[in-house]
Amino acid sequence: MRKRSFVLFVLLLIFWVVISSGFNRQHLLTGAFLAMITVWFWHDLGPRLPNVLSARELLGMARCLILLAAYVIQSSIAVAKTLLFAKPPVSPVFVVMTPDLKTMWGRVFLATGITLTPGTVTVDVDPQTGQFIVHALTEESAISLFYWRLIDEIKQLETYRQRRAHKACQNPP
């Protein structure tokens, strides 16, 4: 636990030094103070921090992030076309979708991905049913959400993590 806190402190301090405008004693002390306060506020999250990801999970996450980046680029071009040339015309629409994701992190990942993609915003995610309410700039972009390959990739990651957790429960260390 202390090792994780120290690593988090160091990472936060490095981040502070990178984003701060100067590198002097005042900036270092301020960064160290803020990093220490942040680590102190997060100390109770220690037991809930995720385990180390396996190589297969890292590859799956990388695939998800690459797909998300592709969707963001594709959607940016589509939104630019819509706004500049009105092709397709702007027709805001709300859609309700149920992607059948089992875990909360899968739902959060998808909701964040939808919101990061230009032209779409996740308005609500129902934790009990897993239903998403999404606002889209055009009907075309709303329909395309139902066929996102990212949803299948997240489902694969969920399945693999569930199997890994089940295997860990059967074979305790």
C-alpha atoms as a PDB file:
ATOM      1  CA  MET A   1       0.000   0.000   0.000  1.00  0.00           C
ATOM      2  CA  ARG A   2       2.763   2.434   0.885  1.00  0.00           C
ATOM      3  CA  LYS A   3       4.588   1.564  -2.319  1.00  0.00           C
ATOM      4  CA  ARG A   4       1.500   2.444  -4.396  1.00  0.00           C
ATOM      5  CA  SER A   5       1.109   5.717  -2.507  1.00  0.00           C
ATOM      6  CA  PHE A   6       4.746   6.602  -3.098  1.00  0.00           C
ATOM      7  CA  VAL A   7       4.513   5.728  -6.803  1.00  0.00           C
ATOM      8  CA  LEU A   8       1.352   7.815  -7.119  1.00  0.00           C
ATOM      9  CA  PHE A   9       3.057  10.714  -5.314  1.00  0.00           C
ATOM     10  CA  VAL A  10       6.065  10.556  -7.661  1.00  0.00           C
ATOM     11  CA  LEU A  11       3.857  10.335 -10.770  1.00  0.00           C
ATOM     12  CA  LEU A  12       1.748  13.289  -9.651  1.00  0.00           C
ATOM     13  CA  LEU A  13       4.861  15.322  -8.860  1.00  0.00           C
ATOM     14  CA  ILE A  14       6.351  14.536 -12.284  1.00  0.00           C
ATOM     15  CA  PHE A  15       3.057  15.511 -13.910  1.00  0.00           C
ATOM     16  CA  TRP A  16       3.079  18.776 -11.964  1.00  0.00           C
ATOM     17  CA  VAL A  17       6.630  19.584 -13.057  1.00  0.00           C
ATOM     18  CA  VAL A  18       5.737  18.860 -16.688  1.00  0.00           C
ATOM     19  CA  ILE A  19       2.659  21.093 -16.751  1.00  0.00           C
ATOM     20  CA  SER A  20       3.968  23.905 -14.537  1.00  0.00           C
ATOM     21  CA  SER A  21       5.439  26.948 -16.206  1.00  0.00           C
ATOM     22  CA  GLY A  22       8.719  26.898 -14.337  1.00  0.00           C
ATOM     23  CA  PHE A  23      11.161  24.645 -12.572  1.00  0.00           C
ATOM     24  CA  ASN A  24      12.171  26.280  -9.310  1.00  0.00           C
ATOM     25  CA  ARG A  25      11.854  25.642  -5.593  1.00  0.00           C
ATOM     26  CA  GLN A  26       8.433  27.275  -5.301  1.00  0.00           C
ATOM     27  CA  HIS A  27       6.976  25.140  -8.108  1.00  0.00           C
ATOM     28  CA  LEU A  28       8.491  21.962  -6.656  1.00  0.00           C
ATOM     29  CA  LEU A  29       7.183  22.686  -3.156  1.00  0.00           C
ATOM     30  CA  THR A  30       3.710  23.517  -4.456  1.00  0.00           C
ATOM     31  CA  GLY A  31       3.689  20.371  -6.595  1.00  0.00           C
ATOM     32  CA  ALA A  32       4.903  18.215  -3.709  1.00  0.00           C
ATOM     33  CA  PHE A  33       2.249  19.678  -1.412  1.00  0.00           C
ATOM     34  CA  LEU A  34      -0.559  19.120  -3.925  1.00  0.00           C
ATOM     35  CA  ALA A  35       0.663  15.606  -4.742  1.00  0.00           C
ATOM     36  CA  MET A  36       0.808  14.771  -1.025  1.00  0.00           C
ATOM     37  CA  ILE A  37      -2.724  16.088  -0.450  1.00  0.00           C
ATOM     38  CA  THR A  38      -4.007  14.134  -3.463  1.00  0.00           C
ATOM     39  CA  VAL A  39      -2.374  10.906  -2.284  1.00  0.00           C
ATOM     40  CA  TRP A  40      -3.813  11.462   1.190  1.00  0.00           C
ATOM     41  CA  PHE A  41      -7.336  11.931  -0.230  1.00  0.00           C
ATOM     42  CA  TRP A  42      -6.930   8.785  -2.356  1.00  0.00           C
ATOM     43  CA  HIS A  43      -5.440   6.554   0.363  1.00  0.00           C
ATOM     44  CA  ASP A  44      -8.722   4.719   0.954  1.00  0.00           C
ATOM     45  CA  LEU A  45      -8.856   3.674  -2.715  1.00  0.00           C
ATOM     46  CA  GLY A  46      -5.881   1.352  -2.239  1.00  0.00           C
ATOM     47  CA  PRO A  47      -7.820  -1.904  -1.909  1.00  0.00           C
ATOM     48  CA  ARG A  48      -9.972  -0.983  -4.914  1.00  0.00           C
ATOM     49  CA  LEU A  49      -7.121  -0.194  -7.276  1.00  0.00           C
ATOM     50  CA  PRO A  50      -7.127  -2.566 -10.250  1.00  0.00           C
ATOM     51  CA  ASN A  51      -4.734  -5.462 -10.428  1.00  0.00           C
ATOM     52  CA  VAL A  52      -1.925  -5.491 -12.940  1.00  0.00           C
ATOM     53  CA  LEU A  53      -3.282  -6.131 -16.422  1.00  0.00           C
ATOM     54  CA  SER A  54      -2.110  -9.184 -18.318  1.00  0.00           C
ATOM     55  CA  ALA A  55      -0.540  -8.887 -21.764  1.00  0.00           C
ATOM     56  CA  ARG A  56      -3.821  -9.988 -23.340  1.00  0.00           C
ATOM     57  CA  GLU A  57      -5.742  -7.305 -21.458  1.00  0.00           C
ATOM     58  CA  LEU A  58      -3.183  -4.653 -22.403  1.00  0.00           C
ATOM     59  CA  LEU A  59      -3.527  -5.629 -26.066  1.00  0.00           C
ATOM     60  CA  GLY A  60      -7.309  -5.471 -25.744  1.00  0.00           C
ATOM     61  CA  MET A  61      -7.115  -2.033 -24.145  1.00  0.00           C
ATOM     62  CA  ALA A  62      -4.735  -0.882 -26.882  1.00  0.00           C
ATOM     63  CA  ARG A  63      -7.192  -2.139 -29.532  1.00  0.00           C
ATOM     64  CA  CYS A  64     -10.011  -0.272 -27.781  1.00  0.00           C
ATOM     65  CA  LEU A  65      -8.017   2.960 -27.643  1.00  0.00           C
ATOM     66  CA  ILE A  66      -6.975   2.673 -31.304  1.00  0.00           C
ATOM     67  CA  LEU A  67     -10.590   2.047 -32.309  1.00  0.00           C
ATOM     68  CA  LEU A  68     -11.707   5.002 -30.211  1.00  0.00           C
ATOM     69  CA  ALA A  69      -9.099   7.243 -31.847  1.00  0.00           C
ATOM     70  CA  ALA A  70     -10.301   6.099 -35.278  1.00  0.00           C
ATOM     71  CA  TYR A  71     -13.917   6.830 -34.323  1.00  0.00           C
ATOM     72  CA  VAL A  72     -12.955  10.281 -33.050  1.00  0.00           C
ATOM     73  CA  ILE A  73     -11.158  11.114 -36.314  1.00  0.00           C
ATOM     74  CA  GLN A  74     -13.957   9.683 -38.453  1.00  0.00           C
ATOM     75  CA  SER A  75     -16.591  11.534 -36.453  1.00  0.00           C
ATOM     76  CA  SER A  76     -14.635  14.804 -36.538  1.00  0.00           C
ATOM     77  CA  ILE A  77     -14.666  14.670 -40.330  1.00  0.00           C
ATOM     78  CA  ALA A  78     -18.387  13.810 -40.377  1.00  0.00           C
ATOM     79  CA  VAL A  79     -19.247  16.668 -38.002  1.00  0.00           C
ATOM     80  CA  ALA A  80     -17.172  19.108 -40.071  1.00  0.00           C
ATOM     81  CA  LYS A  81     -19.038  18.017 -43.227  1.00  0.00           C
ATOM     82  CA  THR A  82     -22.366  18.366 -41.459  1.00  0.00           C
ATOM     83  CA  LEU A  83     -21.635  21.825 -40.098  1.00  0.00           C
ATOM     84  CA  LEU A  84     -19.903  23.225 -43.182  1.00  0.00           C
ATOM     85  CA  PHE A  85     -21.927  21.664 -45.995  1.00  0.00           C
ATOM     86  CA  ALA A  86     -25.109  20.414 -44.243  1.00  0.00           C
ATOM     87  CA  LYS A  87     -24.515  16.890 -45.604  1.00  0.00           C
ATOM     88  CA  PRO A  88     -26.241  15.113 -43.909  1.00  0.00           C
ATOM     89  CA  PRO A  89     -28.416  17.881 -42.480  1.00  0.00           C
ATOM     90  CA  VAL A  90     -28.314  18.554 -38.764  1.00  0.00           C
ATOM     91  CA  SER A  91     -31.143  16.595 -37.162  1.00  0.00           C
ATOM     92  CA  PRO A  92     -30.474  16.215 -33.431  1.00  0.00           C
ATOM     93  CA  VAL A  93     -31.832  12.997 -32.010  1.00  0.00           C
ATOM     94  CA  PHE A  94     -31.860  11.088 -28.731  1.00  0.00           C
ATOM     95  CA  VAL A  95     -31.406   7.325 -28.875  1.00  0.00           C
ATOM     96  CA  VAL A  96     -31.700   4.666 -26.209  1.00  0.00           C
ATOM     97  CA  MET A  97     -29.328   1.746 -26.595  1.00  0.00           C
ATOM     98  CA  THR A  98     -28.578  -1.309 -24.487  1.00  0.00           C
ATOM     99  CA  PRO A  99     -25.106  -2.577 -25.412  1.00  0.00           C
ATOM    100  CA  ASP A 100     -25.306  -5.498 -22.929  1.00  0.00           C
ATOM    101  CA  LEU A 101     -22.132  -4.616 -21.038  1.00  0.00           C
ATOM    102  CA  LYS A 102     -21.869  -6.428 -17.706  1.00  0.00           C
ATOM    103  CA  THR A 103     -19.356  -4.386 -15.733  1.00  0.00           C
ATOM    104  CA  MET A 104     -19.458  -0.810 -14.549  1.00  0.00           C
ATOM    105  CA  TRP A 105     -15.998  -0.057 -15.978  1.00  0.00           C
ATOM    106  CA  GLY A 106     -17.157  -1.305 -19.398  1.00  0.00           C
ATOM    107  CA  ARG A 107     -20.162   0.990 -19.288  1.00  0.00           C
ATOM    108  CA  VAL A 108     -18.049   3.937 -18.138  1.00  0.00           C
ATOM    109  CA  PHE A 109     -15.479   3.257 -20.876  1.00  0.00           C
ATOM    110  CA  LEU A 110     -18.183   3.176 -23.555  1.00  0.00           C
ATOM    111  CA  ALA A 111     -19.984   6.247 -22.177  1.00  0.00           C
ATOM    112  CA  THR A 112     -16.721   8.182 -22.122  1.00  0.00           C
ATOM    113  CA  GLY A 113     -15.887   7.012 -25.642  1.00  0.00           C
ATOM    114  CA  ILE A 114     -19.270   8.153 -26.931  1.00  0.00           C
ATOM    115  CA  THR A 115     -18.866  11.549 -25.267  1.00  0.00           C
ATOM    116  CA  LEU A 116     -15.313  11.980 -26.589  1.00  0.00           C
ATOM    117  CA  THR A 117     -16.532  11.337 -30.120  1.00  0.00           C
ATOM    118  CA  PRO A 118     -17.601  14.623 -31.748  1.00  0.00           C
ATOM    119  CA  GLY A 119     -21.309  14.863 -32.472  1.00  0.00           C
ATOM    120  CA  THR A 120     -22.422  12.491 -29.711  1.00  0.00           C
ATOM    121  CA  VAL A 121     -22.904  12.866 -25.962  1.00  0.00           C
ATOM    122  CA  THR A 122     -23.857  10.238 -23.405  1.00  0.00           C
ATOM    123  CA  VAL A 123     -26.671  11.828 -21.442  1.00  0.00           C
ATOM    124  CA  ASP A 124     -27.355   8.994 -18.987  1.00  0.00           C
ATOM    125  CA  VAL A 125     -26.404   5.412 -18.185  1.00  0.00           C
ATOM    126  CA  ASP A 126     -28.826   3.395 -16.082  1.00  0.00           C
ATOM    127  CA  PRO A 127     -26.712   1.273 -13.689  1.00  0.00           C
ATOM    128  CA  GLN A 128     -29.458  -1.346 -13.212  1.00  0.00           C
ATOM    129  CA  THR A 129     -30.421  -1.970 -16.840  1.00  0.00           C
ATOM    130  CA  GLY A 130     -27.273  -0.810 -18.622  1.00  0.00           C
ATOM    131  CA  GLN A 131     -29.302   1.400 -20.961  1.00  0.00           C
ATOM    132  CA  PHE A 132     -27.569   4.403 -22.483  1.00  0.00           C
ATOM    133  CA  ILE A 133     -29.344   7.593 -23.501  1.00  0.00           C
ATOM    134  CA  VAL A 134     -27.253   9.283 -26.171  1.00  0.00           C
ATOM    135  CA  HIS A 135     -27.728  12.602 -27.945  1.00  0.00           C
ATOM    136  CA  ALA A 136     -26.422  12.681 -31.509  1.00  0.00           C
ATOM    137  CA  LEU A 137     -26.044  15.559 -33.938  1.00  0.00           C
ATOM    138  CA  THR A 138     -27.455  13.569 -36.862  1.00  0.00           C
ATOM    139  CA  GLU A 139     -29.626  10.509 -37.227  1.00  0.00           C
ATOM    140  CA  GLU A 140     -26.844   8.835 -39.208  1.00  0.00           C
ATOM    141  CA  SER A 141     -24.346   9.180 -36.352  1.00  0.00           C
ATOM    142  CA  ALA A 142     -26.949   7.887 -33.888  1.00  0.00           C
ATOM    143  CA  ILE A 143     -27.586   4.760 -35.959  1.00  0.00           C
ATOM    144  CA  SER A 144     -23.859   4.124 -36.403  1.00  0.00           C
ATOM    145  CA  LEU A 145     -23.471   3.859 -32.607  1.00  0.00           C
ATOM    146  CA  PHE A 146     -25.407   0.586 -32.651  1.00  0.00           C
ATOM    147  CA  TYR A 147     -22.742  -0.958 -34.911  1.00  0.00           C
ATOM    148  CA  TRP A 148     -19.620   0.221 -33.108  1.00  0.00           C
ATOM    149  CA  ARG A 149     -16.914  -2.417 -33.048  1.00  0.00           C
ATOM    150  CA  LEU A 150     -15.720  -0.851 -29.804  1.00  0.00           C
ATOM    151  CA  ILE A 151     -18.698  -2.386 -27.994  1.00  0.00           C
ATOM    152  CA  ASP A 152     -17.601  -5.884 -29.042  1.00  0.00           C
ATOM    153  CA  GLU A 153     -14.017  -5.187 -27.961  1.00  0.00           C
ATOM    154  CA  ILE A 154     -15.207  -4.042 -24.525  1.00  0.00           C
ATOM    155  CA  LYS A 155     -17.356  -7.183 -24.228  1.00  0.00           C
ATOM    156  CA  GLN A 156     -14.311  -9.336 -25.037  1.00  0.00           C
ATOM    157  CA  LEU A 157     -12.294  -7.564 -22.349  1.00  0.00           C
ATOM    158  CA  GLU A 158     -15.101  -8.036 -19.834  1.00  0.00           C
ATOM    159  CA  THR A 159     -15.316 -11.753 -20.640  1.00  0.00           C
ATOM    160  CA  TYR A 160     -11.575 -12.240 -20.335  1.00  0.00           C
ATOM    161  CA  ARG A 161     -11.367 -10.358 -17.023  1.00  0.00           C
ATOM    162  CA  GLN A 162     -14.330 -12.333 -15.678  1.00  0.00           C
ATOM    163  CA  ARG A 163     -12.667 -15.641 -16.612  1.00  0.00           C
ATOM    164  CA  ARG A 164      -9.407 -14.489 -15.056  1.00  0.00           C
ATOM    165  CA  ALA A 165     -11.171 -13.492 -11.823  1.00  0.00           C
ATOM    166  CA  HIS A 166     -13.033 -16.810 -11.745  1.00  0.00           C
ATOM    167  CA  LYS A 167      -9.785 -18.715 -12.254  1.00  0.00           C
ATOM    168  CA  ALA A 168      -8.120 -16.702  -9.472  1.00  0.00           C
ATOM    169  CA  CYS A 169     -10.977 -17.599  -7.095  1.00  0.00           C
ATOM    170  CA  GLN A 170     -10.605 -21.292  -7.895  1.00  0.00           C
ATOM    171  CA  ASN A 171      -6.821 -21.299  -7.488  1.00  0.00           C
ATOM    172  CA  PRO A 172      -5.960 -19.017  -4.554  1.00  0.00           C
ATOM    173  CA  PRO A 173      -2.246 -18.285  -4.077  1.00  0.00           C
END
